[in-house]
Amino acid sequence: MLFTDPMLVLRCTRKLLRRLRETPVDIAPRSTTTLGDWYANVLFVHRQPIILAVSARTLLPVLVPARDSPSLGPRFAAALAEILVALGVPAHQIREEQRQMAPVVFAATSSRQILGTMNDFDRMLDPAPGQSLTSAALELAEAPCGPIGMESPDRATVALFANPPETAH
C-alpha cells in the first residue's frame, strides 16, 4: 500500500489487534485527517465489548460496538461524524474528515500518555441503561485532560476544526 493517499492510522492495543485479527504495519505513516492518528482499545461495558478510540491530537473519544471487524472503518467514521455534528463542526469539514478516513491502516500504540488517558476514560465510562454510545462519548469529551493542558477534548476538537493545521491534508 502506498502511504501517499488519504488514510487513517488506527493505533490499537495488542488486545484489540488480536480481536480484530489484524497485523500492524511495521512503520506507520501519519494519518491525513485533521484529528490525526487514533488510539483504540476494546473495553467491556455492561458485559458488551466496545471499542474506545481516542484522537491523538485532541483526545476526542469515540465509542463503537466491537463487532463485525470488517466494517469497523465505516462504522467508526459514522460514529465520529455524529460526535462532530453534536460539537457543531461544519458539515463540509465532517465530510472531508470522513473522506480522509479510508482506508484504515492498523499500527501498534506508541504513546503511553494517550493510553493513560484511555485508561482514565475507561474508569469514567458508566453509561446509563439505554444511553447511546455517542452521548456517553460526548460526556467523556467534557473531562479536562492533562496531555492537552487541562483542556477538554470537545473544546480542543472545536478549536482544531476552527483552525485546521495546514499539513492535515
N, C-alpha and C. Protein backbone atom coordinates (compact mmCIF):
# COMPACT_ATOMS: atom_id res chain seq x y z
N MET A 1 0.84 -1.17 0.00
CA MET A 1 0.00 0.00 0.00
C MET A 1 0.89 1.24 0.00
N LEU A 2 0.58 2.16 -0.88
CA LEU A 2 1.29 3.43 -0.89
C LEU A 2 0.73 4.31 0.21
N PHE A 3 1.61 5.01 0.90
CA PHE A 3 1.17 5.84 2.01
C PHE A 3 1.12 7.31 1.62
N THR A 4 0.73 7.61 0.40
CA THR A 4 0.60 9.00 -0.04
C THR A 4 -0.87 9.39 -0.19
N ASP A 5 -1.76 8.43 -0.19
CA ASP A 5 -3.18 8.68 -0.34
C ASP A 5 -3.80 8.97 1.02
N PRO A 6 -5.05 9.50 1.04
CA PRO A 6 -5.73 9.71 2.31
C PRO A 6 -5.82 8.41 3.10
N MET A 7 -5.65 8.52 4.42
CA MET A 7 -5.75 7.33 5.26
C MET A 7 -5.86 7.71 6.72
N LEU A 8 -6.36 6.75 7.46
CA LEU A 8 -6.44 6.86 8.90
C LEU A 8 -5.54 5.80 9.52
N VAL A 9 -4.69 6.20 10.45
CA VAL A 9 -3.87 5.25 11.19
C VAL A 9 -4.57 5.00 12.52
N LEU A 10 -4.95 3.74 12.73
CA LEU A 10 -5.59 3.32 13.97
C LEU A 10 -4.57 2.53 14.78
N ARG A 11 -4.09 3.15 15.85
CA ARG A 11 -3.07 2.55 16.71
C ARG A 11 -3.76 1.75 17.81
N CYS A 12 -3.74 0.44 17.64
CA CYS A 12 -4.52 -0.45 18.50
C CYS A 12 -3.65 -1.13 19.56
N THR A 13 -4.27 -1.41 20.70
CA THR A 13 -3.61 -2.23 21.71
C THR A 13 -3.49 -3.65 21.16
N ARG A 14 -2.58 -4.43 21.76
CA ARG A 14 -2.44 -5.82 21.33
C ARG A 14 -3.75 -6.58 21.45
N LYS A 15 -4.46 -6.31 22.54
CA LYS A 15 -5.74 -6.98 22.79
C LYS A 15 -6.73 -6.72 21.65
N LEU A 16 -6.81 -5.48 21.20
CA LEU A 16 -7.73 -5.15 20.11
C LEU A 16 -7.23 -5.72 18.79
N LEU A 17 -5.94 -5.65 18.53
CA LEU A 17 -5.41 -6.23 17.28
C LEU A 17 -5.74 -7.72 17.18
N ARG A 18 -5.60 -8.44 18.30
CA ARG A 18 -5.96 -9.87 18.30
C ARG A 18 -7.44 -10.04 18.02
N ARG A 19 -8.27 -9.24 18.65
CA ARG A 19 -9.72 -9.35 18.46
C ARG A 19 -10.11 -9.08 17.01
N LEU A 20 -9.46 -8.08 16.40
CA LEU A 20 -9.74 -7.72 15.01
C LEU A 20 -9.06 -8.64 14.00
N ARG A 21 -8.12 -9.45 14.50
CA ARG A 21 -7.30 -10.32 13.64
C ARG A 21 -6.54 -9.50 12.59
N GLU A 22 -5.94 -8.41 13.08
CA GLU A 22 -5.16 -7.52 12.22
C GLU A 22 -3.70 -7.56 12.62
N THR A 23 -2.83 -7.47 11.63
CA THR A 23 -1.39 -7.38 11.87
C THR A 23 -0.98 -5.92 11.66
N PRO A 24 -0.32 -5.32 12.64
CA PRO A 24 0.05 -3.91 12.48
C PRO A 24 1.17 -3.75 11.46
N VAL A 25 1.18 -2.60 10.78
CA VAL A 25 2.28 -2.29 9.88
C VAL A 25 3.53 -2.06 10.71
N ASP A 26 4.69 -2.35 10.13
CA ASP A 26 5.95 -2.17 10.86
C ASP A 26 6.26 -0.70 11.10
N ILE A 27 6.11 0.09 10.06
CA ILE A 27 6.37 1.53 10.17
C ILE A 27 5.10 2.24 9.74
N ALA A 28 4.46 2.88 10.70
CA ALA A 28 3.18 3.53 10.41
C ALA A 28 3.41 4.92 9.83
N PRO A 29 2.66 5.25 8.79
CA PRO A 29 2.69 6.62 8.27
C PRO A 29 1.89 7.52 9.21
N ARG A 30 1.72 8.76 8.86
CA ARG A 30 0.88 9.67 9.64
C ARG A 30 -0.49 9.74 8.99
N SER A 31 -1.52 9.81 9.82
CA SER A 31 -2.87 9.98 9.31
C SER A 31 -2.97 11.29 8.55
N THR A 32 -3.81 11.32 7.53
CA THR A 32 -4.02 12.54 6.76
C THR A 32 -5.20 13.33 7.29
N THR A 33 -5.86 12.85 8.31
CA THR A 33 -7.04 13.50 8.86
C THR A 33 -6.66 14.69 9.74
N THR A 34 -7.60 15.59 9.94
CA THR A 34 -7.38 16.73 10.83
C THR A 34 -7.13 16.25 12.25
N LEU A 35 -7.84 15.21 12.69
CA LEU A 35 -7.71 14.71 14.05
C LEU A 35 -6.51 13.78 14.23
N GLY A 36 -5.76 13.51 13.17
CA GLY A 36 -4.53 12.72 13.28
C GLY A 36 -4.78 11.24 13.52
N ASP A 37 -3.75 10.59 14.05
CA ASP A 37 -3.85 9.16 14.37
C ASP A 37 -4.88 8.97 15.47
N TRP A 38 -5.40 7.76 15.55
CA TRP A 38 -6.34 7.39 16.60
C TRP A 38 -5.79 6.20 17.35
N TYR A 39 -6.01 6.18 18.65
CA TYR A 39 -5.64 5.06 19.52
C TYR A 39 -6.92 4.33 19.87
N ALA A 40 -6.84 3.00 19.95
CA ALA A 40 -8.06 2.23 20.19
C ALA A 40 -7.78 1.01 21.07
N ASN A 41 -8.78 0.70 21.87
CA ASN A 41 -8.74 -0.47 22.75
C ASN A 41 -10.15 -1.01 22.87
N VAL A 42 -10.26 -2.28 23.26
CA VAL A 42 -11.57 -2.88 23.50
C VAL A 42 -11.84 -2.85 25.00
N LEU A 43 -13.03 -2.40 25.36
CA LEU A 43 -13.49 -2.34 26.74
C LEU A 43 -14.76 -3.16 26.85
N PHE A 44 -15.14 -3.48 28.07
CA PHE A 44 -16.40 -4.18 28.28
C PHE A 44 -17.28 -3.29 29.14
N VAL A 45 -18.43 -2.93 28.59
CA VAL A 45 -19.39 -2.08 29.28
C VAL A 45 -20.69 -2.88 29.38
N HIS A 46 -21.11 -3.14 30.60
CA HIS A 46 -22.29 -3.99 30.83
C HIS A 46 -22.15 -5.31 30.06
N ARG A 47 -20.96 -5.87 30.14
CA ARG A 47 -20.60 -7.15 29.50
C ARG A 47 -20.58 -7.12 27.98
N GLN A 48 -20.72 -5.95 27.40
CA GLN A 48 -20.69 -5.80 25.95
C GLN A 48 -19.33 -5.24 25.52
N PRO A 49 -18.70 -5.85 24.50
CA PRO A 49 -17.42 -5.31 24.03
C PRO A 49 -17.63 -4.02 23.23
N ILE A 50 -16.90 -2.99 23.62
CA ILE A 50 -16.98 -1.67 22.99
C ILE A 50 -15.56 -1.25 22.64
N ILE A 51 -15.40 -0.64 21.47
CA ILE A 51 -14.10 -0.08 21.11
C ILE A 51 -14.10 1.40 21.49
N LEU A 52 -13.10 1.77 22.30
CA LEU A 52 -12.86 3.17 22.64
C LEU A 52 -11.72 3.64 21.75
N ALA A 53 -11.98 4.64 20.94
CA ALA A 53 -10.94 5.24 20.10
C ALA A 53 -10.76 6.68 20.56
N VAL A 54 -9.50 7.15 20.57
CA VAL A 54 -9.17 8.49 21.05
C VAL A 54 -8.24 9.15 20.05
N SER A 55 -8.59 10.38 19.66
CA SER A 55 -7.75 11.14 18.73
C SER A 55 -6.43 11.50 19.40
N ALA A 56 -5.33 11.29 18.69
CA ALA A 56 -4.02 11.65 19.24
C ALA A 56 -3.87 13.16 19.38
N ARG A 57 -4.54 13.94 18.57
CA ARG A 57 -4.39 15.40 18.61
C ARG A 57 -5.22 16.06 19.70
N THR A 58 -6.47 15.62 19.87
CA THR A 58 -7.37 16.33 20.80
C THR A 58 -7.90 15.43 21.92
N LEU A 59 -7.59 14.14 21.88
CA LEU A 59 -8.08 13.15 22.84
C LEU A 59 -9.59 12.97 22.77
N LEU A 60 -10.22 13.39 21.67
CA LEU A 60 -11.65 13.20 21.49
C LEU A 60 -11.96 11.70 21.50
N PRO A 61 -12.87 11.25 22.39
CA PRO A 61 -13.22 9.84 22.42
C PRO A 61 -14.39 9.51 21.49
N VAL A 62 -14.32 8.32 20.90
CA VAL A 62 -15.41 7.79 20.08
C VAL A 62 -15.62 6.35 20.55
N LEU A 63 -16.88 5.95 20.70
CA LEU A 63 -17.23 4.60 21.12
C LEU A 63 -18.02 3.91 20.02
N VAL A 64 -17.62 2.69 19.69
CA VAL A 64 -18.36 1.89 18.71
C VAL A 64 -18.44 0.44 19.21
N PRO A 65 -19.52 -0.26 18.87
CA PRO A 65 -19.60 -1.67 19.26
C PRO A 65 -18.45 -2.45 18.62
N ALA A 66 -17.91 -3.40 19.38
CA ALA A 66 -16.79 -4.22 18.88
C ALA A 66 -17.34 -5.48 18.21
N ARG A 67 -17.96 -5.28 17.08
CA ARG A 67 -18.49 -6.40 16.31
C ARG A 67 -18.21 -6.15 14.84
N ASP A 68 -18.31 -7.18 14.05
CA ASP A 68 -18.17 -7.04 12.60
C ASP A 68 -16.91 -6.26 12.23
N SER A 69 -15.77 -6.86 12.53
CA SER A 69 -14.48 -6.20 12.31
C SER A 69 -14.30 -5.61 10.92
N PRO A 70 -14.72 -6.29 9.84
CA PRO A 70 -14.51 -5.71 8.52
C PRO A 70 -15.19 -4.36 8.30
N SER A 71 -16.25 -4.08 9.04
CA SER A 71 -16.94 -2.80 8.85
C SER A 71 -16.52 -1.75 9.88
N LEU A 72 -15.45 -2.01 10.62
CA LEU A 72 -15.02 -1.08 11.66
C LEU A 72 -14.74 0.32 11.10
N GLY A 73 -14.03 0.41 9.99
CA GLY A 73 -13.70 1.72 9.41
C GLY A 73 -14.92 2.58 9.14
N PRO A 74 -15.88 2.09 8.36
CA PRO A 74 -17.08 2.90 8.10
C PRO A 74 -17.91 3.18 9.35
N ARG A 75 -18.01 2.22 10.26
CA ARG A 75 -18.78 2.44 11.49
C ARG A 75 -18.11 3.47 12.38
N PHE A 76 -16.79 3.42 12.43
CA PHE A 76 -16.03 4.41 13.21
C PHE A 76 -16.21 5.80 12.61
N ALA A 77 -16.11 5.91 11.29
CA ALA A 77 -16.29 7.21 10.62
C ALA A 77 -17.69 7.77 10.88
N ALA A 78 -18.70 6.91 10.86
CA ALA A 78 -20.08 7.35 11.12
C ALA A 78 -20.24 7.81 12.57
N ALA A 79 -19.66 7.07 13.51
CA ALA A 79 -19.74 7.45 14.93
C ALA A 79 -19.03 8.77 15.18
N LEU A 80 -17.87 8.96 14.55
CA LEU A 80 -17.15 10.23 14.68
C LEU A 80 -17.98 11.38 14.13
N ALA A 81 -18.63 11.15 12.99
CA ALA A 81 -19.45 12.20 12.38
C ALA A 81 -20.57 12.63 13.34
N GLU A 82 -21.20 11.68 14.02
CA GLU A 82 -22.26 12.03 14.98
C GLU A 82 -21.72 12.93 16.08
N ILE A 83 -20.53 12.64 16.56
CA ILE A 83 -19.94 13.45 17.62
C ILE A 83 -19.57 14.83 17.10
N LEU A 84 -18.99 14.89 15.90
CA LEU A 84 -18.61 16.18 15.33
C LEU A 84 -19.84 17.05 15.06
N VAL A 85 -20.94 16.43 14.61
CA VAL A 85 -22.19 17.18 14.41
C VAL A 85 -22.64 17.77 15.75
N ALA A 86 -22.61 16.95 16.81
CA ALA A 86 -23.03 17.42 18.13
C ALA A 86 -22.15 18.56 18.64
N LEU A 87 -20.88 18.58 18.21
CA LEU A 87 -19.96 19.64 18.63
C LEU A 87 -20.07 20.89 17.75
N GLY A 88 -20.88 20.83 16.69
CA GLY A 88 -21.08 21.99 15.83
C GLY A 88 -20.04 22.17 14.75
N VAL A 89 -19.29 21.12 14.44
CA VAL A 89 -18.31 21.20 13.35
C VAL A 89 -19.07 21.29 12.03
N PRO A 90 -18.68 22.20 11.13
CA PRO A 90 -19.39 22.35 9.86
C PRO A 90 -19.42 21.05 9.04
N ALA A 91 -20.55 20.85 8.37
CA ALA A 91 -20.78 19.61 7.62
C ALA A 91 -19.69 19.35 6.58
N HIS A 92 -19.20 20.39 5.88
CA HIS A 92 -18.18 20.16 4.86
C HIS A 92 -16.87 19.64 5.49
N GLN A 93 -16.56 20.09 6.70
CA GLN A 93 -15.35 19.59 7.37
C GLN A 93 -15.54 18.15 7.83
N ILE A 94 -16.74 17.81 8.26
CA ILE A 94 -17.02 16.43 8.66
C ILE A 94 -16.90 15.51 7.46
N ARG A 95 -17.48 15.90 6.34
CA ARG A 95 -17.39 15.07 5.12
C ARG A 95 -15.93 14.87 4.71
N GLU A 96 -15.12 15.93 4.78
CA GLU A 96 -13.71 15.81 4.40
C GLU A 96 -12.97 14.90 5.37
N GLU A 97 -13.26 15.02 6.66
CA GLU A 97 -12.62 14.14 7.65
C GLU A 97 -12.96 12.69 7.35
N GLN A 98 -14.21 12.41 7.05
CA GLN A 98 -14.63 11.05 6.72
C GLN A 98 -13.96 10.56 5.43
N ARG A 99 -13.84 11.44 4.44
CA ARG A 99 -13.17 11.05 3.19
C ARG A 99 -11.72 10.66 3.45
N GLN A 100 -11.07 11.37 4.36
CA GLN A 100 -9.67 11.11 4.67
C GLN A 100 -9.49 9.82 5.50
N MET A 101 -10.59 9.26 6.00
CA MET A 101 -10.51 8.11 6.90
C MET A 101 -10.51 6.76 6.19
N ALA A 102 -10.45 6.74 4.89
CA ALA A 102 -10.42 5.47 4.17
C ALA A 102 -9.20 5.46 3.28
N PRO A 103 -8.40 4.45 3.32
CA PRO A 103 -8.53 3.24 4.13
C PRO A 103 -7.98 3.44 5.55
N VAL A 104 -8.19 2.39 6.36
CA VAL A 104 -7.64 2.36 7.71
C VAL A 104 -6.37 1.52 7.69
N VAL A 105 -5.31 2.06 8.28
CA VAL A 105 -4.04 1.33 8.43
C VAL A 105 -3.91 1.01 9.92
N PHE A 106 -3.67 -0.24 10.23
CA PHE A 106 -3.54 -0.66 11.63
C PHE A 106 -2.08 -0.62 12.06
N ALA A 107 -1.84 -0.03 13.23
CA ALA A 107 -0.49 0.09 13.77
C ALA A 107 -0.55 -0.18 15.27
N ALA A 108 0.61 -0.38 15.85
CA ALA A 108 0.69 -0.57 17.30
C ALA A 108 0.67 0.78 17.99
N THR A 109 0.27 0.78 19.25
CA THR A 109 0.28 2.02 20.03
C THR A 109 1.72 2.49 20.22
N SER A 110 1.89 3.81 20.42
CA SER A 110 3.24 4.34 20.62
C SER A 110 3.30 5.44 21.68
N SER A 111 2.18 5.77 22.32
CA SER A 111 2.17 6.84 23.32
C SER A 111 1.54 6.35 24.62
N ARG A 112 2.36 6.25 25.65
CA ARG A 112 1.84 5.85 26.96
C ARG A 112 0.92 6.92 27.53
N GLN A 113 1.19 8.17 27.18
CA GLN A 113 0.37 9.26 27.68
C GLN A 113 -1.07 9.13 27.17
N ILE A 114 -1.24 8.81 25.89
CA ILE A 114 -2.59 8.64 25.34
C ILE A 114 -3.23 7.39 25.93
N LEU A 115 -2.46 6.32 26.11
CA LEU A 115 -3.00 5.11 26.73
C LEU A 115 -3.46 5.41 28.16
N GLY A 116 -2.74 6.27 28.87
CA GLY A 116 -3.16 6.67 30.22
C GLY A 116 -4.49 7.40 30.19
N THR A 117 -4.67 8.27 29.22
CA THR A 117 -5.94 8.98 29.07
C THR A 117 -7.06 7.99 28.77
N MET A 118 -6.77 7.00 27.93
CA MET A 118 -7.78 5.99 27.63
C MET A 118 -8.16 5.21 28.89
N ASN A 119 -7.18 4.90 29.73
CA ASN A 119 -7.49 4.22 30.99
C ASN A 119 -8.37 5.10 31.87
N ASP A 120 -8.09 6.40 31.90
CA ASP A 120 -8.94 7.33 32.65
C ASP A 120 -10.37 7.31 32.11
N PHE A 121 -10.51 7.36 30.79
CA PHE A 121 -11.84 7.32 30.17
C PHE A 121 -12.54 6.00 30.51
N ASP A 122 -11.80 4.90 30.51
CA ASP A 122 -12.39 3.60 30.85
C ASP A 122 -12.97 3.64 32.27
N ARG A 123 -12.23 4.23 33.21
CA ARG A 123 -12.72 4.33 34.59
C ARG A 123 -13.93 5.25 34.69
N MET A 124 -13.97 6.29 33.88
CA MET A 124 -15.07 7.26 33.92
C MET A 124 -16.33 6.77 33.21
N LEU A 125 -16.16 5.85 32.27
CA LEU A 125 -17.27 5.41 31.43
C LEU A 125 -18.27 4.60 32.24
N ASP A 126 -19.47 5.11 32.36
CA ASP A 126 -20.54 4.42 33.07
C ASP A 126 -21.87 4.84 32.46
N PRO A 127 -22.14 4.38 31.24
CA PRO A 127 -23.36 4.82 30.57
C PRO A 127 -24.61 4.30 31.29
N ALA A 128 -25.62 5.15 31.31
CA ALA A 128 -26.91 4.75 31.87
C ALA A 128 -27.55 3.73 30.93
N PRO A 129 -28.39 2.86 31.47
CA PRO A 129 -29.09 1.91 30.59
C PRO A 129 -29.83 2.66 29.49
N GLY A 130 -29.61 2.23 28.28
CA GLY A 130 -30.26 2.86 27.13
C GLY A 130 -29.56 4.09 26.59
N GLN A 131 -28.51 4.56 27.26
CA GLN A 131 -27.79 5.74 26.78
C GLN A 131 -27.01 5.37 25.51
N SER A 132 -27.02 6.24 24.53
CA SER A 132 -26.30 5.95 23.28
C SER A 132 -24.80 6.06 23.50
N LEU A 133 -24.05 5.37 22.67
CA LEU A 133 -22.59 5.46 22.73
C LEU A 133 -22.12 6.87 22.40
N THR A 134 -22.84 7.55 21.51
CA THR A 134 -22.48 8.93 21.16
C THR A 134 -22.63 9.83 22.38
N SER A 135 -23.72 9.70 23.10
CA SER A 135 -23.95 10.50 24.29
C SER A 135 -22.89 10.21 25.36
N ALA A 136 -22.56 8.94 25.54
CA ALA A 136 -21.53 8.56 26.53
C ALA A 136 -20.17 9.14 26.14
N ALA A 137 -19.84 9.09 24.83
CA ALA A 137 -18.56 9.65 24.36
C ALA A 137 -18.52 11.16 24.56
N LEU A 138 -19.65 11.83 24.31
CA LEU A 138 -19.70 13.29 24.50
C LEU A 138 -19.52 13.66 25.97
N GLU A 139 -20.02 12.84 26.88
CA GLU A 139 -19.80 13.08 28.31
C GLU A 139 -18.31 12.96 28.64
N LEU A 140 -17.66 11.91 28.11
CA LEU A 140 -16.22 11.75 28.34
C LEU A 140 -15.44 12.94 27.78
N ALA A 141 -15.90 13.45 26.65
CA ALA A 141 -15.19 14.54 25.95
C ALA A 141 -15.20 15.84 26.73
N GLU A 142 -16.03 15.94 27.76
CA GLU A 142 -16.09 17.16 28.56
C GLU A 142 -15.02 17.19 29.66
N ALA A 143 -14.36 16.07 29.90
CA ALA A 143 -13.40 15.97 31.00
C ALA A 143 -12.09 16.67 30.65
N PRO A 144 -11.56 17.50 31.55
CA PRO A 144 -10.25 18.12 31.32
C PRO A 144 -9.17 17.04 31.28
N CYS A 145 -8.23 17.17 30.37
CA CYS A 145 -7.17 16.16 30.20
C CYS A 145 -5.79 16.81 30.28
N GLY A 146 -4.94 16.26 31.11
CA GLY A 146 -3.59 16.78 31.30
C GLY A 146 -2.76 16.87 30.03
N PRO A 147 -2.78 15.84 29.16
CA PRO A 147 -1.93 15.90 27.97
C PRO A 147 -2.24 17.05 27.01
N ILE A 148 -3.43 17.64 27.15
CA ILE A 148 -3.77 18.79 26.29
C ILE A 148 -3.96 20.03 27.15
N GLY A 149 -3.14 20.16 28.19
CA GLY A 149 -3.12 21.36 29.01
C GLY A 149 -4.39 21.57 29.83
N MET A 150 -5.00 20.49 30.30
CA MET A 150 -6.23 20.51 31.09
C MET A 150 -7.41 21.09 30.31
N GLU A 151 -7.31 21.09 29.00
CA GLU A 151 -8.44 21.44 28.15
C GLU A 151 -9.31 20.19 28.01
N SER A 152 -10.55 20.36 27.65
CA SER A 152 -11.41 19.21 27.40
C SER A 152 -11.31 18.82 25.93
N PRO A 153 -11.41 17.53 25.62
CA PRO A 153 -11.33 17.10 24.22
C PRO A 153 -12.38 17.74 23.32
N ASP A 154 -13.59 17.98 23.84
CA ASP A 154 -14.60 18.59 22.98
C ASP A 154 -14.20 20.00 22.57
N ARG A 155 -13.70 20.78 23.53
CA ARG A 155 -13.25 22.15 23.20
C ARG A 155 -12.01 22.15 22.31
N ALA A 156 -11.10 21.24 22.59
CA ALA A 156 -9.87 21.15 21.77
C ALA A 156 -10.22 20.78 20.33
N THR A 157 -11.20 19.91 20.16
CA THR A 157 -11.62 19.49 18.81
C THR A 157 -12.28 20.64 18.06
N VAL A 158 -13.17 21.36 18.73
CA VAL A 158 -13.83 22.51 18.09
C VAL A 158 -12.78 23.54 17.67
N ALA A 159 -11.80 23.80 18.54
CA ALA A 159 -10.74 24.75 18.23
C ALA A 159 -9.89 24.28 17.05
N LEU A 160 -9.59 22.99 17.01
CA LEU A 160 -8.79 22.44 15.91
C LEU A 160 -9.51 22.60 14.57
N PHE A 161 -10.80 22.31 14.54
CA PHE A 161 -11.52 22.46 13.28
C PHE A 161 -11.73 23.93 12.91
N ALA A 162 -11.72 24.82 13.89
CA ALA A 162 -11.82 26.25 13.60
C ALA A 162 -10.53 26.77 12.96
N ASN A 163 -9.40 26.12 13.30
CA ASN A 163 -8.08 26.49 12.77
C ASN A 163 -7.32 25.23 12.39
N PRO A 164 -7.76 24.52 11.33
CA PRO A 164 -7.11 23.26 10.98
C PRO A 164 -5.65 23.45 10.58
N PRO A 165 -4.79 22.48 10.94
CA PRO A 165 -3.39 22.59 10.55
C PRO A 165 -3.22 22.50 9.04
N GLU A 166 -2.26 23.22 8.54
CA GLU A 166 -2.01 23.22 7.08
C GLU A 166 -1.58 21.86 6.57
N THR A 167 -0.92 21.09 7.40
CA THR A 167 -0.35 19.80 6.98
C THR A 167 -1.33 18.66 7.10
N ALA A 168 -2.57 18.90 7.54
CA ALA A 168 -3.51 17.81 7.77
C ALA A 168 -3.89 17.10 6.49
N HIS A 169 -3.97 17.81 5.35
CA HIS A 169 -4.46 17.14 4.15
C HIS A 169 -3.46 17.24 3.04
